[in-house]
Amino acid sequence: MRTALGLVDAVALYNAADQLQISIDRQLRGDPGQKLYDYSNADVMLAGEVVRGATGMNAQAYLESRIGAVIGFTGEWWSDSAEQILIYCCLDATPRRFARFGLLFARGGQWNGETAP
């Protein structure tokens, strides 16, 4: 939440065919690292690209193959018309599966003696 990129109107973001592109196309409104607001879905959309750049996998593939494989989590993110994963929301899974993240956090990242990636 410290990108210093301008906010995207929520309706504009939600109605965009390519929500990643509208998130990327914002103008700087300050210095990177500066907190201009508390939360931005468009900033979280960029986090998915950070995952892709660091791992070569989109967020869905990373979740499934790395974290999900360790803790037994399966779920599915929604995507927009351009097939961009809506990483800021819309991850479908059961409450029991989501609870696994809470257990992972409570256990300091440990799961069955293994550190989750």
PDB file of N, CA and C in Angstrom:
ATOM      1  N   MET A   1       0.814  -1.190   0.000  1.00  0.00           N
ATOM      2  CA  MET A   1       0.000   0.000   0.000  1.00  0.00           C
ATOM      3  C   MET A   1       0.856   1.251   0.000  1.00  0.00           C
ATOM      4  N   ARG A   2       2.097   1.098  -0.398  1.00  0.00           N
ATOM      5  CA  ARG A   2       3.004   2.244  -0.432  1.00  0.00           C
ATOM      6  C   ARG A   2       3.620   2.426  -1.824  1.00  0.00           C
ATOM      7  N   THR A   3       2.831   2.155  -2.841  1.00  0.00           N
ATOM      8  CA  THR A   3       3.337   2.312  -4.202  1.00  0.00           C
ATOM      9  C   THR A   3       3.405   3.769  -4.621  1.00  0.00           C
ATOM     10  N   ALA A   4       2.606   4.621  -3.992  1.00  0.00           N
ATOM     11  CA  ALA A   4       2.455   6.041  -4.351  1.00  0.00           C
ATOM     12  C   ALA A   4       1.805   6.205  -5.722  1.00  0.00           C
ATOM     13  N   LEU A   5       1.176   5.149  -6.209  1.00  0.00           N
ATOM     14  CA  LEU A   5       0.410   5.247  -7.440  1.00  0.00           C
ATOM     15  C   LEU A   5      -0.989   5.751  -7.110  1.00  0.00           C
ATOM     16  N   GLY A   6      -1.591   6.463  -8.049  1.00  0.00           N
ATOM     17  CA  GLY A   6      -2.928   6.992  -7.845  1.00  0.00           C
ATOM     18  C   GLY A   6      -3.955   5.889  -7.645  1.00  0.00           C
ATOM     19  N   LEU A   7      -5.009   6.231  -6.953  1.00  0.00           N
ATOM     20  CA  LEU A   7      -6.103   5.291  -6.745  1.00  0.00           C
ATOM     21  C   LEU A   7      -6.904   5.109  -8.025  1.00  0.00           C
ATOM     22  N   VAL A   8      -7.433   3.926  -8.191  1.00  0.00           N
ATOM     23  CA  VAL A   8      -8.342   3.641  -9.300  1.00  0.00           C
ATOM     24  C   VAL A   8      -9.741   3.593  -8.708  1.00  0.00           C
ATOM     25  N   ASP A   9     -10.663   4.275  -9.335  1.00  0.00           N
ATOM     26  CA  ASP A   9     -12.053   4.201  -8.910  1.00  0.00           C
ATOM     27  C   ASP A   9     -12.481   2.734  -8.927  1.00  0.00           C
ATOM     28  N   ALA A  10     -13.117   2.304  -7.845  1.00  0.00           N
ATOM     29  CA  ALA A  10     -13.495   0.893  -7.707  1.00  0.00           C
ATOM     30  C   ALA A  10     -14.351   0.412  -8.869  1.00  0.00           C
ATOM     31  N   VAL A  11     -15.319   1.204  -9.282  1.00  0.00           N
ATOM     32  CA  VAL A  11     -16.195   0.798 -10.388  1.00  0.00           C
ATOM     33  C   VAL A  11     -15.381   0.648 -11.668  1.00  0.00           C
ATOM     34  N   ALA A  12     -14.460   1.573 -11.908  1.00  0.00           N
ATOM     35  CA  ALA A  12     -13.612   1.488 -13.108  1.00  0.00           C
ATOM     36  C   ALA A  12     -12.770   0.215 -13.082  1.00  0.00           C
ATOM     37  N   LEU A  13     -12.218  -0.118 -11.917  1.00  0.00           N
ATOM     38  CA  LEU A  13     -11.411  -1.332 -11.805  1.00  0.00           C
ATOM     39  C   LEU A  13     -12.269  -2.566 -12.029  1.00  0.00           C
ATOM     40  N   TYR A  14     -13.375  -2.665 -11.331  1.00  0.00           N
ATOM     41  CA  TYR A  14     -14.207  -3.854 -11.414  1.00  0.00           C
ATOM     42  C   TYR A  14     -14.785  -4.068 -12.806  1.00  0.00           C
ATOM     43  N   ASN A  15     -15.015  -2.984 -13.552  1.00  0.00           N
ATOM     44  CA  ASN A  15     -15.590  -3.094 -14.889  1.00  0.00           C
ATOM     45  C   ASN A  15     -14.546  -3.186 -15.995  1.00  0.00           C
ATOM     46  N   ALA A  16     -13.277  -3.084 -15.654  1.00  0.00           N
ATOM     47  CA  ALA A  16     -12.218  -3.150 -16.667  1.00  0.00           C
ATOM     48  C   ALA A  16     -12.073  -4.575 -17.189  1.00  0.00           C
ATOM     49  N   ALA A  17     -11.911  -4.692 -18.485  1.00  0.00           N
ATOM     50  CA  ALA A  17     -11.691  -6.016 -19.080  1.00  0.00           C
ATOM     51  C   ALA A  17     -10.348  -6.586 -18.630  1.00  0.00           C
ATOM     52  N   ASP A  18      -9.344  -5.708 -18.436  1.00  0.00           N
ATOM     53  CA  ASP A  18      -8.012  -6.112 -17.998  1.00  0.00           C
ATOM     54  C   ASP A  18      -7.667  -5.315 -16.742  1.00  0.00           C
ATOM     55  N   GLN A  19      -7.965  -5.900 -15.592  1.00  0.00           N
ATOM     56  CA  GLN A  19      -7.763  -5.188 -14.336  1.00  0.00           C
ATOM     57  C   GLN A  19      -6.289  -5.014 -13.986  1.00  0.00           C
ATOM     58  N   LEU A  20      -5.439  -5.882 -14.491  1.00  0.00           N
ATOM     59  CA  LEU A  20      -4.010  -5.697 -14.265  1.00  0.00           C
ATOM     60  C   LEU A  20      -3.519  -4.468 -15.024  1.00  0.00           C
ATOM     61  N   GLN A  21      -3.937  -4.326 -16.270  1.00  0.00           N
ATOM     62  CA  GLN A  21      -3.452  -3.197 -17.069  1.00  0.00           C
ATOM     63  C   GLN A  21      -3.886  -1.858 -16.479  1.00  0.00           C
ATOM     64  N   ILE A  22      -5.131  -1.755 -16.032  1.00  0.00           N
ATOM     65  CA  ILE A  22      -5.589  -0.501 -15.428  1.00  0.00           C
ATOM     66  C   ILE A  22      -4.824  -0.241 -14.124  1.00  0.00           C
ATOM     67  N   SER A  23      -4.405  -1.293 -13.447  1.00  0.00           N
ATOM     68  CA  SER A  23      -3.619  -1.144 -12.224  1.00  0.00           C
ATOM     69  C   SER A  23      -2.203  -0.661 -12.530  1.00  0.00           C
ATOM     70  N   ILE A  24      -1.642  -1.130 -13.624  1.00  0.00           N
ATOM     71  CA  ILE A  24      -0.292  -0.734 -14.040  1.00  0.00           C
ATOM     72  C   ILE A  24      -0.275   0.690 -14.574  1.00  0.00           C
ATOM     73  N   ASP A  25      -1.307   1.090 -15.279  1.00  0.00           N
ATOM     74  CA  ASP A  25      -1.327   2.366 -16.000  1.00  0.00           C
ATOM     75  C   ASP A  25      -1.517   3.606 -15.121  1.00  0.00           C
ATOM     76  N   ARG A  26      -1.498   3.468 -13.822  1.00  0.00           N
ATOM     77  CA  ARG A  26      -1.698   4.610 -12.928  1.00  0.00           C
ATOM     78  C   ARG A  26      -0.468   5.511 -12.894  1.00  0.00           C
ATOM     79  N   GLN A  27      -0.704   6.772 -12.558  1.00  0.00           N
ATOM     80  CA  GLN A  27       0.367   7.755 -12.446  1.00  0.00           C
ATOM     81  C   GLN A  27       0.877   7.803 -11.002  1.00  0.00           C
ATOM     82  N   LEU A  28       2.185   8.071 -10.856  1.00  0.00           N
ATOM     83  CA  LEU A  28       2.735   8.289  -9.524  1.00  0.00           C
ATOM     84  C   LEU A  28       2.153   9.566  -8.947  1.00  0.00           C
ATOM     85  N   ARG A  29       1.792   9.518  -7.680  1.00  0.00           N
ATOM     86  CA  ARG A  29       1.240  10.692  -6.981  1.00  0.00           C
ATOM     87  C   ARG A  29       2.152  11.128  -5.840  1.00  0.00           C
ATOM     88  N   GLY A  30       3.260  10.443  -5.673  1.00  0.00           N
ATOM     89  CA  GLY A  30       4.209  10.743  -4.607  1.00  0.00           C
ATOM     90  C   GLY A  30       5.456   9.917  -4.835  1.00  0.00           C
ATOM     91  N   ASP A  31       6.202   9.690  -3.786  1.00  0.00           N
ATOM     92  CA  ASP A  31       7.427   8.892  -3.868  1.00  0.00           C
ATOM     93  C   ASP A  31       7.129   7.451  -3.471  1.00  0.00           C
ATOM     94  N   PRO A  32       7.608   6.464  -4.247  1.00  0.00           N
ATOM     95  CA  PRO A  32       7.414   5.074  -3.848  1.00  0.00           C
ATOM     96  C   PRO A  32       7.867   4.880  -2.402  1.00  0.00           C
ATOM     97  N   GLY A  33       7.060   4.179  -1.645  1.00  0.00           N
ATOM     98  CA  GLY A  33       7.299   3.988  -0.226  1.00  0.00           C
ATOM     99  C   GLY A  33       6.442   4.900   0.626  1.00  0.00           C
ATOM    100  N   GLN A  34       5.901   5.938  -0.001  1.00  0.00           N
ATOM    101  CA  GLN A  34       5.043   6.891   0.705  1.00  0.00           C
ATOM    102  C   GLN A  34       3.628   6.337   0.793  1.00  0.00           C
ATOM    103  N   LYS A  35       3.045   6.422   1.971  1.00  0.00           N
ATOM    104  CA  LYS A  35       1.673   5.943   2.171  1.00  0.00           C
ATOM    105  C   LYS A  35       0.705   7.074   1.849  1.00  0.00           C
ATOM    106  N   LEU A  36      -0.107   6.881   0.808  1.00  0.00           N
ATOM    107  CA  LEU A  36      -1.077   7.890   0.400  1.00  0.00           C
ATOM    108  C   LEU A  36      -2.497   7.533   0.819  1.00  0.00           C
ATOM    109  N   TYR A  37      -2.737   6.272   1.116  1.00  0.00           N
ATOM    110  CA  TYR A  37      -4.068   5.784   1.461  1.00  0.00           C
ATOM    111  C   TYR A  37      -3.896   4.462   2.186  1.00  0.00           C
ATOM    112  N   ASP A  38      -4.985   3.914   2.704  1.00  0.00           N
ATOM    113  CA  ASP A  38      -4.894   2.685   3.487  1.00  0.00           C
ATOM    114  C   ASP A  38      -4.957   1.411   2.663  1.00  0.00           C
ATOM    115  N   TYR A  39      -5.752   1.393   1.591  1.00  0.00           N
ATOM    116  CA  TYR A  39      -5.908   0.159   0.837  1.00  0.00           C
ATOM    117  C   TYR A  39      -6.249   0.469  -0.610  1.00  0.00           C
ATOM    118  N   SER A  40      -5.716  -0.338  -1.497  1.00  0.00           N
ATOM    119  CA  SER A  40      -6.001  -0.208  -2.923  1.00  0.00           C
ATOM    120  C   SER A  40      -6.018  -1.591  -3.555  1.00  0.00           C
ATOM    121  N   ASN A  41      -7.159  -1.979  -4.122  1.00  0.00           N
ATOM    122  CA  ASN A  41      -7.226  -3.251  -4.838  1.00  0.00           C
ATOM    123  C   ASN A  41      -6.239  -3.271  -5.995  1.00  0.00           C
ATOM    124  N   ALA A  42      -6.038  -2.125  -6.645  1.00  0.00           N
ATOM    125  CA  ALA A  42      -5.116  -2.055  -7.771  1.00  0.00           C
ATOM    126  C   ALA A  42      -3.683  -2.349  -7.326  1.00  0.00           C
ATOM    127  N   ASP A  43      -3.295  -1.919  -6.127  1.00  0.00           N
ATOM    128  CA  ASP A  43      -1.960  -2.253  -5.617  1.00  0.00           C
ATOM    129  C   ASP A  43      -1.828  -3.755  -5.406  1.00  0.00           C
ATOM    130  N   VAL A  44      -2.868  -4.377  -4.910  1.00  0.00           N
ATOM    131  CA  VAL A  44      -2.819  -5.821  -4.674  1.00  0.00           C
ATOM    132  C   VAL A  44      -2.751  -6.575  -6.000  1.00  0.00           C
ATOM    133  N   MET A  45      -3.399  -6.055  -7.032  1.00  0.00           N
ATOM    134  CA  MET A  45      -3.280  -6.671  -8.364  1.00  0.00           C
ATOM    135  C   MET A  45      -1.809  -6.727  -8.783  1.00  0.00           C
ATOM    136  N   LEU A  46      -1.052  -5.692  -8.442  1.00  0.00           N
ATOM    137  CA  LEU A  46       0.374  -5.669  -8.784  1.00  0.00           C
ATOM    138  C   LEU A  46       1.159  -6.721  -8.008  1.00  0.00           C
ATOM    139  N   ALA A  47       0.711  -7.061  -6.810  1.00  0.00           N
ATOM    140  CA  ALA A  47       1.397  -8.071  -6.011  1.00  0.00           C
ATOM    141  C   ALA A  47       1.434  -9.412  -6.733  1.00  0.00           C
ATOM    142  N   GLY A  48       0.396  -9.716  -7.474  1.00  0.00           N
ATOM    143  CA  GLY A  48       0.392 -10.945  -8.262  1.00  0.00           C
ATOM    144  C   GLY A  48       1.502 -10.969  -9.296  1.00  0.00           C
ATOM    145  N   GLU A  49       1.805  -9.807  -9.847  1.00  0.00           N
ATOM    146  CA  GLU A  49       2.892  -9.723 -10.826  1.00  0.00           C
ATOM    147  C   GLU A  49       4.254  -9.831 -10.153  1.00  0.00           C
ATOM    148  N   VAL A  50       4.346  -9.377  -8.909  1.00  0.00           N
ATOM    149  CA  VAL A  50       5.580  -9.563  -8.149  1.00  0.00           C
ATOM    150  C   VAL A  50       5.823 -11.058  -7.947  1.00  0.00           C
ATOM    151  N   VAL A  51       4.773 -11.803  -7.600  1.00  0.00           N
ATOM    152  CA  VAL A  51       4.883 -13.257  -7.454  1.00  0.00           C
ATOM    153  C   VAL A  51       5.334 -13.877  -8.780  1.00  0.00           C
ATOM    154  N   ARG A  52       4.719 -13.463  -9.878  1.00  0.00           N
ATOM    155  CA  ARG A  52       5.087 -14.011 -11.197  1.00  0.00           C
ATOM    156  C   ARG A  52       6.549 -13.705 -11.526  1.00  0.00           C
ATOM    157  N   GLY A  53       6.974 -12.468 -11.276  1.00  0.00           N
ATOM    158  CA  GLY A  53       8.357 -12.094 -11.568  1.00  0.00           C
ATOM    159  C   GLY A  53       9.368 -12.854 -10.724  1.00  0.00           C
ATOM    160  N   ALA A  54       9.031 -13.119  -9.478  1.00  0.00           N
ATOM    161  CA  ALA A  54       9.957 -13.792  -8.570  1.00  0.00           C
ATOM    162  C   ALA A  54       9.994 -15.301  -8.769  1.00  0.00           C
ATOM    163  N   THR A  55       8.872 -15.880  -9.197  1.00  0.00           N
ATOM    164  CA  THR A  55       8.786 -17.348  -9.246  1.00  0.00           C
ATOM    165  C   THR A  55       8.573 -17.917 -10.644  1.00  0.00           C
ATOM    166  N   GLY A  56       8.152 -17.072 -11.580  1.00  0.00           N
ATOM    167  CA  GLY A  56       7.816 -17.566 -12.909  1.00  0.00           C
ATOM    168  C   GLY A  56       6.435 -18.203 -12.970  1.00  0.00           C
ATOM    169  N   MET A  57       5.693 -18.143 -11.852  1.00  0.00           N
ATOM    170  CA  MET A  57       4.343 -18.715 -11.784  1.00  0.00           C
ATOM    171  C   MET A  57       3.344 -17.619 -11.444  1.00  0.00           C
ATOM    172  N   ASN A  58       2.128 -17.759 -11.984  1.00  0.00           N
ATOM    173  CA  ASN A  58       1.103 -16.825 -11.538  1.00  0.00           C
ATOM    174  C   ASN A  58       0.705 -17.188 -10.113  1.00  0.00           C
ATOM    175  N   ALA A  59      -0.051 -16.307  -9.474  1.00  0.00           N
ATOM    176  CA  ALA A  59      -0.402 -16.503  -8.066  1.00  0.00           C
ATOM    177  C   ALA A  59      -1.164 -17.807  -7.841  1.00  0.00           C
ATOM    178  N   GLN A  60      -2.052 -18.165  -8.750  1.00  0.00           N
ATOM    179  CA  GLN A  60      -2.816 -19.417  -8.622  1.00  0.00           C
ATOM    180  C   GLN A  60      -1.877 -20.621  -8.626  1.00  0.00           C
ATOM    181  N   ALA A  61      -0.959 -20.656  -9.585  1.00  0.00           N
ATOM    182  CA  ALA A  61      -0.018 -21.782  -9.675  1.00  0.00           C
ATOM    183  C   ALA A  61       0.896 -21.834  -8.456  1.00  0.00           C
ATOM    184  N   TYR A  62       1.348 -20.662  -7.983  1.00  0.00           N
ATOM    185  CA  TYR A  62       2.202 -20.632  -6.800  1.00  0.00           C
ATOM    186  C   TYR A  62       1.448 -21.150  -5.576  1.00  0.00           C
ATOM    187  N   LEU A  63       0.236 -20.661  -5.411  1.00  0.00           N
ATOM    188  CA  LEU A  63      -0.574 -21.103  -4.272  1.00  0.00           C
ATOM    189  C   LEU A  63      -0.755 -22.618  -4.294  1.00  0.00           C
ATOM    190  N   GLU A  64      -1.097 -23.158  -5.454  1.00  0.00           N
ATOM    191  CA  GLU A  64      -1.346 -24.598  -5.561  1.00  0.00           C
ATOM    192  C   GLU A  64      -0.085 -25.433  -5.352  1.00  0.00           C
ATOM    193  N   SER A  65       0.994 -25.058  -6.024  1.00  0.00           N
ATOM    194  CA  SER A  65       2.179 -25.909  -6.031  1.00  0.00           C
ATOM    195  C   SER A  65       3.091 -25.725  -4.832  1.00  0.00           C
ATOM    196  N   ARG A  66       3.038 -24.586  -4.199  1.00  0.00           N
ATOM    197  CA  ARG A  66       3.955 -24.344  -3.086  1.00  0.00           C
ATOM    198  C   ARG A  66       3.225 -24.379  -1.747  1.00  0.00           C
ATOM    199  N   ILE A  67       2.404 -23.410  -1.471  1.00  0.00           N
ATOM    200  CA  ILE A  67       1.739 -23.333  -0.169  1.00  0.00           C
ATOM    201  C   ILE A  67       0.650 -24.396  -0.061  1.00  0.00           C
ATOM    202  N   GLY A  68      -0.207 -24.462  -1.060  1.00  0.00           N
ATOM    203  CA  GLY A  68      -1.320 -25.407  -1.027  1.00  0.00           C
ATOM    204  C   GLY A  68      -0.872 -26.848  -0.925  1.00  0.00           C
ATOM    205  N   ALA A  69       0.202 -27.184  -1.604  1.00  0.00           N
ATOM    206  CA  ALA A  69       0.710 -28.551  -1.563  1.00  0.00           C
ATOM    207  C   ALA A  69       1.169 -28.931  -0.159  1.00  0.00           C
ATOM    208  N   VAL A  70       1.678 -27.971   0.587  1.00  0.00           N
ATOM    209  CA  VAL A  70       2.152 -28.236   1.941  1.00  0.00           C
ATOM    210  C   VAL A  70       0.995 -28.336   2.931  1.00  0.00           C
ATOM    211  N   ILE A  71       0.042 -27.396   2.853  1.00  0.00           N
ATOM    212  CA  ILE A  71      -1.018 -27.346   3.874  1.00  0.00           C
ATOM    213  C   ILE A  71      -2.323 -28.002   3.447  1.00  0.00           C
ATOM    214  N   GLY A  72      -2.370 -28.523   2.229  1.00  0.00           N
ATOM    215  CA  GLY A  72      -3.593 -29.187   1.768  1.00  0.00           C
ATOM    216  C   GLY A  72      -4.686 -28.208   1.396  1.00  0.00           C
ATOM    217  N   PHE A  73      -4.304 -27.069   0.853  1.00  0.00           N
ATOM    218  CA  PHE A  73      -5.285 -26.055   0.445  1.00  0.00           C
ATOM    219  C   PHE A  73      -5.529 -26.138  -1.048  1.00  0.00           C
ATOM    220  N   THR A  74      -6.792 -26.111  -1.435  1.00  0.00           N
ATOM    221  CA  THR A  74      -7.162 -25.940  -2.829  1.00  0.00           C
ATOM    222  C   THR A  74      -8.224 -24.857  -2.886  1.00  0.00           C
ATOM    223  N   GLY A  75      -8.152 -24.066  -3.904  1.00  0.00           N
ATOM    224  CA  GLY A  75      -9.112 -22.994  -4.115  1.00  0.00           C
ATOM    225  C   GLY A  75      -8.943 -22.466  -5.527  1.00  0.00           C
ATOM    226  N   GLU A  76      -9.823 -21.583  -5.895  1.00  0.00           N
ATOM    227  CA  GLU A  76      -9.748 -21.047  -7.256  1.00  0.00           C
ATOM    228  C   GLU A  76     -10.062 -19.558  -7.237  1.00  0.00           C
ATOM    229  N   TRP A  77      -9.139 -18.786  -7.822  1.00  0.00           N
ATOM    230  CA  TRP A  77      -9.353 -17.354  -7.957  1.00  0.00           C
ATOM    231  C   TRP A  77     -10.195 -17.070  -9.190  1.00  0.00           C
ATOM    232  N   TRP A  78     -11.000 -16.029  -9.101  1.00  0.00           N
ATOM    233  CA  TRP A  78     -11.715 -15.544 -10.274  1.00  0.00           C
ATOM    234  C   TRP A  78     -10.716 -14.794 -11.140  1.00  0.00           C
ATOM    235  N   SER A  79     -11.082 -14.605 -12.396  1.00  0.00           N
ATOM    236  CA  SER A  79     -10.242 -13.811 -13.297  1.00  0.00           C
ATOM    237  C   SER A  79     -11.133 -12.870 -14.101  1.00  0.00           C
ATOM    238  N   ASP A  80     -10.493 -11.862 -14.693  1.00  0.00           N
ATOM    239  CA  ASP A  80     -11.244 -10.907 -15.507  1.00  0.00           C
ATOM    240  C   ASP A  80     -11.314 -11.407 -16.950  1.00  0.00           C
ATOM    241  N   SER A  81     -11.844 -10.581 -17.837  1.00  0.00           N
ATOM    242  CA  SER A  81     -12.004 -10.977 -19.245  1.00  0.00           C
ATOM    243  C   SER A  81     -10.679 -11.242 -19.939  1.00  0.00           C
ATOM    244  N   ALA A  82      -9.612 -10.605 -19.446  1.00  0.00           N
ATOM    245  CA  ALA A  82      -8.281 -10.803 -20.030  1.00  0.00           C
ATOM    246  C   ALA A  82      -7.538 -11.959 -19.355  1.00  0.00           C
ATOM    247  N   GLU A  83      -8.254 -12.741 -18.528  1.00  0.00           N
ATOM    248  CA  GLU A  83      -7.695 -13.890 -17.820  1.00  0.00           C
ATOM    249  C   GLU A  83      -6.648 -13.487 -16.782  1.00  0.00           C
ATOM    250  N   GLN A  84      -6.752 -12.254 -16.268  1.00  0.00           N
ATOM    251  CA  GLN A  84      -5.889 -11.818 -15.169  1.00  0.00           C
ATOM    252  C   GLN A  84      -6.529 -12.266 -13.859  1.00  0.00           C
ATOM    253  N   ILE A  85      -5.762 -12.921 -13.013  1.00  0.00           N
ATOM    254  CA  ILE A  85      -6.276 -13.383 -11.727  1.00  0.00           C
ATOM    255  C   ILE A  85      -6.574 -12.179 -10.847  1.00  0.00           C
ATOM    256  N   LEU A  86      -7.749 -12.165 -10.243  1.00  0.00           N
ATOM    257  CA  LEU A  86      -8.141 -11.079  -9.346  1.00  0.00           C
ATOM    258  C   LEU A  86      -7.583 -11.383  -7.959  1.00  0.00           C
ATOM    259  N   ILE A  87      -6.300 -11.148  -7.805  1.00  0.00           N
ATOM    260  CA  ILE A  87      -5.596 -11.540  -6.595  1.00  0.00           C
ATOM    261  C   ILE A  87      -6.073 -10.783  -5.363  1.00  0.00           C
ATOM    262  N   TYR A  88      -6.717  -9.630  -5.552  1.00  0.00           N
ATOM    263  CA  TYR A  88      -7.199  -8.835  -4.422  1.00  0.00           C
ATOM    264  C   TYR A  88      -8.498  -9.395  -3.829  1.00  0.00           C
ATOM    265  N   CYS A  89      -9.097 -10.350  -4.482  1.00  0.00           N
ATOM    266  CA  CYS A  89     -10.372 -10.878  -3.977  1.00  0.00           C
ATOM    267  C   CYS A  89     -10.658 -12.247  -4.562  1.00  0.00           C
ATOM    268  N   CYS A  90     -11.842 -12.713  -4.275  1.00  0.00           N
ATOM    269  CA  CYS A  90     -12.523 -13.731  -5.059  1.00  0.00           C
ATOM    270  C   CYS A  90     -11.788 -15.063  -5.155  1.00  0.00           C
ATOM    271  N   LEU A  91     -11.234 -15.502  -4.038  1.00  0.00           N
ATOM    272  CA  LEU A  91     -10.624 -16.822  -3.969  1.00  0.00           C
ATOM    273  C   LEU A  91     -11.668 -17.756  -3.366  1.00  0.00           C
ATOM    274  N   ASP A  92     -12.168 -18.658  -4.174  1.00  0.00           N
ATOM    275  CA  ASP A  92     -13.211 -19.580  -3.730  1.00  0.00           C
ATOM    276  C   ASP A  92     -12.599 -20.816  -3.080  1.00  0.00           C
ATOM    277  N   ALA A  93     -13.010 -21.083  -1.854  1.00  0.00           N
ATOM    278  CA  ALA A  93     -12.603 -22.274  -1.124  1.00  0.00           C
ATOM    279  C   ALA A  93     -13.557 -22.431   0.053  1.00  0.00           C
ATOM    280  N   THR A  94     -13.523 -23.575   0.677  1.00  0.00           N
ATOM    281  CA  THR A  94     -14.380 -23.793   1.834  1.00  0.00           C
ATOM    282  C   THR A  94     -13.774 -23.112   3.063  1.00  0.00           C
ATOM    283  N   PRO A  95     -14.610 -22.802   4.055  1.00  0.00           N
ATOM    284  CA  PRO A  95     -14.073 -22.230   5.298  1.00  0.00           C
ATOM    285  C   PRO A  95     -13.010 -23.134   5.942  1.00  0.00           C
ATOM    286  N   ARG A  96     -13.211 -24.422   5.875  1.00  0.00           N
ATOM    287  CA  ARG A  96     -12.236 -25.362   6.449  1.00  0.00           C
ATOM    288  C   ARG A  96     -10.881 -25.225   5.751  1.00  0.00           C
ATOM    289  N   ARG A  97     -10.901 -25.046   4.449  1.00  0.00           N
ATOM    290  CA  ARG A  97      -9.637 -24.875   3.713  1.00  0.00           C
ATOM    291  C   ARG A  97      -8.980 -23.544   4.073  1.00  0.00           C
ATOM    292  N   PHE A  98      -9.786 -22.470   4.175  1.00  0.00           N
ATOM    293  CA  PHE A  98      -9.237 -21.176   4.580  1.00  0.00           C
ATOM    294  C   PHE A  98      -8.651 -21.241   5.988  1.00  0.00           C
ATOM    295  N   ALA A  99      -9.248 -22.037   6.856  1.00  0.00           N
ATOM    296  CA  ALA A  99      -8.760 -22.154   8.232  1.00  0.00           C
ATOM    297  C   ALA A  99      -7.325 -22.680   8.263  1.00  0.00           C
ATOM    298  N   ARG A 100      -6.929 -23.402   7.245  1.00  0.00           N
ATOM    299  CA  ARG A 100      -5.558 -23.909   7.182  1.00  0.00           C
ATOM    300  C   ARG A 100      -4.548 -22.761   7.175  1.00  0.00           C
ATOM    301  N   PHE A 101      -4.902 -21.635   6.542  1.00  0.00           N
ATOM    302  CA  PHE A 101      -4.011 -20.477   6.565  1.00  0.00           C
ATOM    303  C   PHE A 101      -3.870 -19.939   7.984  1.00  0.00           C
ATOM    304  N   GLY A 102      -4.973 -19.914   8.727  1.00  0.00           N
ATOM    305  CA  GLY A 102      -4.915 -19.474  10.119  1.00  0.00           C
ATOM    306  C   GLY A 102      -4.026 -20.371  10.955  1.00  0.00           C
ATOM    307  N   LEU A 103      -4.139 -21.668  10.754  1.00  0.00           N
ATOM    308  CA  LEU A 103      -3.279 -22.609  11.473  1.00  0.00           C
ATOM    309  C   LEU A 103      -1.819 -22.424  11.082  1.00  0.00           C
ATOM    310  N   LEU A 104      -1.569 -22.230   9.806  1.00  0.00           N
ATOM    311  CA  LEU A 104      -0.197 -22.010   9.337  1.00  0.00           C
ATOM    312  C   LEU A 104       0.389 -20.770   9.998  1.00  0.00           C
ATOM    313  N   PHE A 105      -0.373 -19.692  10.059  1.00  0.00           N
ATOM    314  CA  PHE A 105       0.082 -18.459  10.691  1.00  0.00           C
ATOM    315  C   PHE A 105       0.314 -18.684  12.186  1.00  0.00           C
ATOM    316  N   ALA A 106      -0.645 -19.326  12.849  1.00  0.00           N
ATOM    317  CA  ALA A 106      -0.537 -19.570  14.297  1.00  0.00           C
ATOM    318  C   ALA A 106       0.671 -20.438  14.626  1.00  0.00           C
ATOM    319  N   ARG A 107       1.065 -21.267  13.694  1.00  0.00           N
ATOM    320  CA  ARG A 107       2.207 -22.172  13.908  1.00  0.00           C
ATOM    321  C   ARG A 107       3.519 -21.575  13.409  1.00  0.00           C
ATOM    322  N   GLY A 108       3.513 -20.273  13.119  1.00  0.00           N
ATOM    323  CA  GLY A 108       4.745 -19.603  12.687  1.00  0.00           C
ATOM    324  C   GLY A 108       5.288 -20.109  11.366  1.00  0.00           C
ATOM    325  N   GLY A 109       4.389 -20.535  10.465  1.00  0.00           N
ATOM    326  CA  GLY A 109       4.810 -21.009   9.151  1.00  0.00           C
ATOM    327  C   GLY A 109       5.166 -22.486   9.104  1.00  0.00           C
ATOM    328  N   GLN A 110       4.988 -23.179  10.207  1.00  0.00           N
ATOM    329  CA  GLN A 110       5.319 -24.608  10.271  1.00  0.00           C
ATOM    330  C   GLN A 110       4.079 -25.450  10.009  1.00  0.00           C
ATOM    331  N   TRP A 111       4.243 -26.520   9.232  1.00  0.00           N
ATOM    332  CA  TRP A 111       3.151 -27.445   8.957  1.00  0.00           C
ATOM    333  C   TRP A 111       3.724 -28.854   8.950  1.00  0.00           C
ATOM    334  N   ASN A 112       3.318 -29.662   9.903  1.00  0.00           N
ATOM    335  CA  ASN A 112       3.809 -31.034  10.020  1.00  0.00           C
ATOM    336  C   ASN A 112       5.332 -31.089  10.008  1.00  0.00           C
ATOM    337  N   GLY A 113       5.962 -30.187  10.747  1.00  0.00           N
ATOM    338  CA  GLY A 113       7.411 -30.165  10.850  1.00  0.00           C
ATOM    339  C   GLY A 113       8.125 -29.546   9.668  1.00  0.00           C
ATOM    340  N   GLU A 114       7.393 -29.018   8.736  1.00  0.00           N
ATOM    341  CA  GLU A 114       7.970 -28.439   7.527  1.00  0.00           C
ATOM    342  C   GLU A 114       7.627 -26.946   7.488  1.00  0.00           C
ATOM    343  N   THR A 115       8.560 -26.141   7.012  1.00  0.00           N
ATOM    344  CA  THR A 115       8.291 -24.727   6.851  1.00  0.00           C
ATOM    345  C   THR A 115       7.645 -24.510   5.488  1.00  0.00           C
ATOM    346  N   ALA A 116       6.467 -23.906   5.492  1.00  0.00           N
ATOM    347  CA  ALA A 116       5.764 -23.625   4.232  1.00  0.00           C
ATOM    348  C   ALA A 116       6.514 -22.525   3.485  1.00  0.00           C
ATOM    349  N   PRO A 117       6.584 -22.630   2.158  1.00  0.00           N
ATOM    350  CA  PRO A 117       7.292 -21.604   1.367  1.00  0.00           C
ATOM    351  C   PRO A 117       6.601 -20.260   1.428  1.00  0.00           C
TER     352      PRO A 117
END
